Amino acid sequence: MSVFIIAEIGINHNGDLNICKKLIDLAKDTGCDAVKFQKRDIDSVYTQSFLNSPRQSPWGHTQRCQKQGLEFSKEDYQEIDKYSLEKDIHWFASAWDEKSQEFISEFDFKFNKVASPMIVNTNLLKLIAKEKKYTFISTGMSTYEDIDKAIEIFKKESCPFELMHCVSTYPMKDEDANLNMITTLKNKYSCKVGYSGHETGLAISLAATALGATSIERHITLDRSMYGSDQAASLEPAGLRQLVGGIRKIELSLGDGVKKFTEEEKKVAEKLREHLY
């Protein structure tokens, strides 16, 4: 099965539908399988004191202004749904609270996503699992006990899932990648395991593909210099195109692991071993 490539738009759209559509175009044009967003009900996710605290942003001078500026409305998501359908690319979102999961469940998309911070949110996990949509579960900031509990919820509801190895630092240092966890998680939980990356560059995500990751998720942006906390660890258009091409080339090159003496090799062997006969 082909590696499922997820272009994480997240909040890199900066609340602008035109930027959002350009990012959807980018994901489609480079051969990604899906785009993913993040949805928050800010009054559920953050405390009032935090929201009232100061923060300079294009939308105002408080955390509330900044957080609200990054959230799309129902009408915006209806436009995203329509546009993604026209472009023939999957879209889905990771909800950070129960209200947001109920909100996005109104849309008829194929997948759900558990963001790493939410793997310990039992009530949210139960809500997602009841939908029985194929769910990607990121495992950053978690212990085996956290993963065990999450998997138990999804198995109880007979909800199909895939774990994603993830290290939740932004950007992640290369030496922290610990890609052998892909194999560890596969062996421990007997399930598919993908990779959700927050590093700069392509090498680690390509290595994850070679190690058998069944999905790859990376943040994308039009320009890393744009406003936003996720921009620095995101891939610009040229980088995303190289990543998708590299993943598909690795898939092609891995083969089935069965030793073969091909017809092409036999012709070469006849020439190079001629002096032996």
Protein backbone atom coordinates (compact mmCIF):
# COMPACT_ATOMS: atom_id res chain seq x y z
CA MET A 1 0.00 0.00 0.00
CA SER A 2 1.23 3.48 -0.88
CA VAL A 3 2.44 5.82 1.87
CA PHE A 4 -0.38 8.25 2.75
CA ILE A 5 1.02 11.78 2.57
CA ILE A 6 -0.70 14.42 4.71
CA ALA A 7 0.01 18.09 4.13
CA GLU A 8 -0.67 19.79 7.45
CA ILE A 9 -2.02 23.27 6.80
CA GLY A 10 -2.82 23.53 10.51
CA ILE A 11 -2.98 27.24 11.31
CA ASN A 12 -0.51 28.32 8.62
CA HIS A 13 -3.41 29.81 6.66
CA ASN A 14 -3.40 32.70 9.19
CA GLY A 15 -7.19 32.89 9.04
CA ASP A 16 -7.13 33.80 5.33
CA LEU A 17 -9.20 31.64 2.96
CA ASN A 18 -7.17 32.78 -0.06
CA ILE A 19 -3.95 31.56 1.58
CA CYS A 20 -5.77 28.38 2.58
CA LYS A 21 -6.84 27.66 -1.00
CA LYS A 22 -3.30 28.25 -2.26
CA LEU A 23 -2.05 25.69 0.28
CA ILE A 24 -4.71 23.19 -0.84
CA ASP A 25 -3.58 23.80 -4.44
CA LEU A 26 0.02 23.21 -3.38
CA ALA A 27 -0.83 19.93 -1.68
CA LYS A 28 -2.81 18.70 -4.67
CA ASP A 29 -0.27 19.82 -7.27
CA THR A 30 2.63 18.12 -5.46
CA GLY A 31 0.78 14.80 -5.12
CA CYS A 32 -0.22 14.77 -1.45
CA ASP A 33 -3.18 12.60 -0.47
CA ALA A 34 -4.80 14.93 2.06
CA VAL A 35 -4.67 18.30 3.79
CA LYS A 36 -5.24 18.66 7.52
CA PHE A 37 -6.36 21.55 9.69
CA GLN A 38 -6.62 22.23 13.44
CA LYS A 39 -9.89 23.23 15.12
CA ARG A 40 -10.22 24.79 18.56
CA ASP A 41 -13.02 26.26 20.60
CA ILE A 42 -10.73 28.74 22.29
CA ASP A 43 -12.89 29.18 25.40
CA SER A 44 -12.71 25.41 25.95
CA VAL A 45 -8.99 25.05 25.28
CA TYR A 46 -7.62 28.13 27.07
CA THR A 47 -8.29 29.82 30.41
CA GLN A 48 -9.87 33.27 30.48
CA SER A 49 -6.81 34.72 32.19
CA PHE A 50 -4.60 33.41 29.41
CA LEU A 51 -6.91 34.72 26.69
CA ASN A 52 -6.95 38.14 28.31
CA SER A 53 -3.17 38.30 28.61
CA PRO A 54 -1.20 40.52 26.20
CA ARG A 55 0.10 39.30 22.83
CA GLN A 56 0.90 41.33 19.76
CA SER A 57 -0.46 39.88 16.52
CA PRO A 58 -2.01 41.02 13.24
CA TRP A 59 -5.44 40.70 14.90
CA GLY A 60 -4.93 42.71 18.09
CA HIS A 61 -3.14 42.94 21.40
CA THR A 62 -4.37 39.93 23.42
CA GLN A 63 -4.07 36.16 23.23
CA ARG A 64 -7.80 36.01 22.50
CA CYS A 65 -7.39 38.21 19.44
CA GLN A 66 -4.55 36.04 18.15
CA LYS A 67 -6.27 32.71 18.79
CA GLN A 68 -9.58 33.87 17.38
CA GLY A 69 -7.89 35.28 14.31
CA LEU A 70 -6.58 31.81 13.44
CA GLU A 71 -9.98 30.10 13.61
CA PHE A 72 -12.18 29.56 10.57
CA SER A 73 -15.98 29.87 10.81
CA LYS A 74 -18.51 27.25 9.76
CA GLU A 75 -18.98 29.12 6.48
CA ASP A 76 -15.21 29.06 5.94
CA TYR A 77 -15.08 25.31 6.49
CA GLN A 78 -18.02 24.83 4.13
CA GLU A 79 -15.95 26.65 1.51
CA ILE A 80 -12.91 24.49 2.34
CA ASP A 81 -15.08 21.38 2.00
CA LYS A 82 -16.40 22.52 -1.38
CA TYR A 83 -12.96 23.55 -2.64
CA SER A 84 -11.29 20.31 -1.56
CA LEU A 85 -14.02 18.32 -3.31
CA GLU A 86 -13.43 20.30 -6.49
CA LYS A 87 -9.69 19.65 -6.22
CA ASP A 88 -10.27 15.95 -5.48
CA ILE A 89 -8.16 15.88 -2.32
CA HIS A 90 -9.12 14.63 1.14
CA TRP A 91 -9.35 17.11 4.00
CA PHE A 92 -9.81 16.59 7.72
CA ALA A 93 -8.93 18.27 11.00
CA SER A 94 -7.60 17.55 14.47
CA ALA A 95 -9.97 18.82 17.15
CA TRP A 96 -8.52 20.12 20.40
CA ASP A 97 -11.75 19.86 22.40
CA GLU A 98 -15.11 18.12 22.32
CA LYS A 99 -17.04 21.09 20.93
CA SER A 100 -14.62 21.27 18.01
CA GLN A 101 -14.96 17.53 17.33
CA GLU A 102 -18.73 17.88 17.26
CA PHE A 103 -18.29 20.83 14.90
CA ILE A 104 -16.07 19.03 12.38
CA SER A 105 -18.11 15.81 12.57
CA GLU A 106 -20.81 17.65 10.60
CA PHE A 107 -18.59 17.36 7.54
CA ASP A 108 -18.45 14.15 5.55
CA PHE A 109 -14.71 13.51 5.51
CA LYS A 110 -13.07 10.10 5.71
CA PHE A 111 -10.49 10.56 8.48
CA ASN A 112 -10.02 11.84 12.01
CA LYS A 113 -6.82 12.90 13.75
CA VAL A 114 -5.78 12.88 17.41
CA ALA A 115 -3.15 15.57 17.92
CA SER A 116 -0.34 14.66 20.32
CA PRO A 117 -1.50 17.00 23.14
CA MET A 118 -4.94 15.37 23.02
CA ILE A 119 -3.87 11.72 23.35
CA VAL A 120 -4.55 12.03 27.10
CA ASN A 121 -8.01 13.63 26.64
CA THR A 122 -10.14 10.58 27.35
CA ASN A 123 -13.51 12.19 26.69
CA LEU A 124 -12.35 13.53 23.33
CA LEU A 125 -10.90 10.16 22.34
CA LYS A 126 -14.18 8.43 23.16
CA LEU A 127 -16.09 10.95 21.05
CA ILE A 128 -13.73 10.45 18.09
CA ALA A 129 -13.73 6.65 18.39
CA LYS A 130 -17.54 6.51 18.33
CA GLU A 131 -17.47 8.02 14.83
CA LYS A 132 -15.57 4.92 13.63
CA LYS A 133 -13.66 6.91 11.00
CA TYR A 134 -10.08 5.85 10.28
CA THR A 135 -8.06 7.83 12.82
CA PHE A 136 -4.42 8.91 12.86
CA ILE A 137 -3.17 9.07 16.46
CA SER A 138 0.00 11.11 17.06
CA THR A 139 2.09 9.90 19.99
CA GLY A 140 4.20 12.95 20.86
CA MET A 141 4.41 13.95 24.53
CA SER A 142 3.11 10.52 25.59
CA THR A 143 4.10 7.41 27.53
CA TYR A 144 3.31 3.79 26.71
CA GLU A 145 0.58 3.99 29.33
CA ASP A 146 -1.00 6.92 27.49
CA ILE A 147 -0.86 5.03 24.18
CA ASP A 148 -2.26 1.87 25.80
CA LYS A 149 -5.27 3.77 27.13
CA ALA A 150 -5.91 5.47 23.79
CA ILE A 151 -5.74 2.20 21.86
CA GLU A 152 -8.07 0.53 24.35
CA ILE A 153 -10.71 3.21 23.65
CA PHE A 154 -10.45 2.78 19.89
CA LYS A 155 -10.49 -1.00 20.04
CA LYS A 156 -13.54 -0.97 22.33
CA GLU A 157 -15.42 1.04 19.70
CA SER A 158 -13.99 -1.05 16.83
CA CYS A 159 -12.65 2.17 15.32
CA PRO A 160 -9.78 1.68 12.85
CA PHE A 161 -6.64 3.63 13.73
CA GLU A 162 -3.01 4.20 12.86
CA LEU A 163 -0.37 5.42 15.30
CA MET A 164 2.04 8.15 14.24
CA HIS A 165 5.47 8.44 15.80
CA CYS A 166 5.98 12.08 16.72
CA VAL A 167 8.33 14.26 18.75
CA SER A 168 6.55 17.45 19.80
CA THR A 169 9.23 20.11 19.60
CA TYR A 170 9.10 22.93 17.05
CA PRO A 171 11.34 22.60 15.17
CA MET A 172 12.59 19.20 16.31
CA LYS A 173 16.33 18.58 16.59
CA ASP A 174 17.62 15.84 14.31
CA GLU A 175 19.13 13.93 17.21
CA ASP A 176 15.72 13.74 18.90
CA ALA A 177 13.94 12.02 16.00
CA ASN A 178 14.31 8.46 17.37
CA LEU A 179 12.95 6.97 14.15
CA ASN A 180 13.47 3.42 15.36
CA MET A 181 10.31 4.03 17.40
CA ILE A 182 8.39 3.36 14.16
CA THR A 183 9.50 -0.28 14.33
CA THR A 184 9.06 -0.40 18.11
CA LEU A 185 5.45 0.80 17.91
CA LYS A 186 4.67 -1.59 15.04
CA ASN A 187 6.00 -4.56 17.00
CA LYS A 188 4.41 -3.54 20.30
CA TYR A 189 0.92 -2.72 19.03
CA SER A 190 0.68 -4.76 15.79
CA CYS A 191 -0.73 -1.84 13.84
CA LYS A 192 0.24 0.58 11.10
CA VAL A 193 2.61 3.34 12.20
CA GLY A 194 3.19 6.61 10.40
CA TYR A 195 5.40 9.59 11.13
CA SER A 196 4.36 13.16 11.95
CA GLY A 197 7.42 15.37 11.66
CA HIS A 198 8.32 18.82 12.97
CA GLU A 199 11.92 18.91 11.79
CA THR A 200 13.47 21.17 9.19
CA GLY A 201 14.50 19.59 5.91
CA LEU A 202 13.57 16.31 4.24
CA ALA A 203 16.08 13.65 5.32
CA ILE A 204 14.29 12.47 8.47
CA SER A 205 10.90 12.13 6.80
CA LEU A 206 12.50 10.22 3.91
CA ALA A 207 14.28 7.96 6.40
CA ALA A 208 10.95 7.34 8.14
CA THR A 209 9.55 6.19 4.80
CA ALA A 210 12.47 3.79 4.32
CA LEU A 211 11.86 2.42 7.83
CA GLY A 212 8.32 1.49 6.90
CA ALA A 213 6.17 4.46 7.95
CA THR A 214 2.72 4.00 6.42
CA SER A 215 1.91 7.71 6.50
CA ILE A 216 3.94 10.91 6.54
CA GLU A 217 2.60 14.21 7.84
CA ARG A 218 4.44 17.51 7.48
CA HIS A 219 3.39 21.13 7.95
CA ILE A 220 3.32 23.16 4.74
CA THR A 221 3.55 26.89 4.08
CA LEU A 222 3.79 29.29 1.18
CA ASP A 223 6.72 31.04 2.86
CA ARG A 224 8.49 30.19 6.14
CA SER A 225 8.92 33.90 6.87
CA MET A 226 5.16 34.39 7.22
CA TYR A 227 3.61 35.11 10.62
CA GLY A 228 3.00 32.01 12.75
CA SER A 229 4.58 29.67 15.28
CA ASP A 230 4.48 26.63 12.94
CA GLN A 231 6.01 28.29 9.88
CA ALA A 232 9.67 27.60 10.74
CA ALA A 233 9.17 23.81 10.83
CA SER A 234 7.06 23.81 7.65
CA LEU A 235 7.91 22.89 4.07
CA GLU A 236 7.76 25.49 1.34
CA PRO A 237 6.53 24.49 -2.17
CA ALA A 238 9.88 23.32 -3.52
CA GLY A 239 10.59 21.29 -0.40
CA LEU A 240 7.16 19.65 -0.41
CA ARG A 241 7.56 18.69 -4.06
CA GLN A 242 10.94 17.11 -3.29
CA LEU A 243 9.52 15.27 -0.28
CA VAL A 244 6.62 13.72 -2.19
CA GLY A 245 8.91 12.74 -5.05
CA GLY A 246 11.42 11.23 -2.64
CA ILE A 247 8.76 9.23 -0.80
CA ARG A 248 7.38 7.78 -4.03
CA LYS A 249 10.89 6.91 -5.22
CA ILE A 250 11.69 5.14 -1.93
CA GLU A 251 8.42 3.19 -2.16
CA LEU A 252 9.37 2.05 -5.64
CA SER A 253 12.89 1.09 -4.60
CA LEU A 254 12.08 -0.96 -1.48
CA GLY A 255 10.75 -3.95 -3.41
CA ASP A 256 9.55 -7.18 -1.82
CA GLY A 257 12.78 -8.35 -0.16
CA VAL A 258 12.99 -11.48 -2.33
CA LYS A 259 16.40 -12.10 -3.96
CA LYS A 260 16.16 -12.05 -7.75
CA PHE A 261 18.59 -12.56 -10.62
CA THR A 262 16.89 -10.39 -13.22
CA GLU A 263 17.03 -10.78 -16.97
CA GLU A 264 18.80 -7.44 -17.18
CA GLU A 265 21.44 -8.65 -14.71
CA LYS A 266 21.95 -11.87 -16.67
CA LYS A 267 22.91 -9.90 -19.75
CA VAL A 268 25.44 -7.89 -17.73
CA ALA A 269 26.73 -11.08 -16.08
CA GLU A 270 27.40 -12.67 -19.47
CA LYS A 271 29.68 -9.77 -20.37
CA LEU A 272 31.43 -9.33 -17.03
CA ARG A 273 31.93 -13.07 -16.43
CA GLU A 274 32.80 -14.00 -20.00
CA HIS A 275 36.45 -14.53 -19.11
CA LEU A 276 35.44 -17.13 -16.48
CA TYR A 277 33.88 -19.50 -19.00
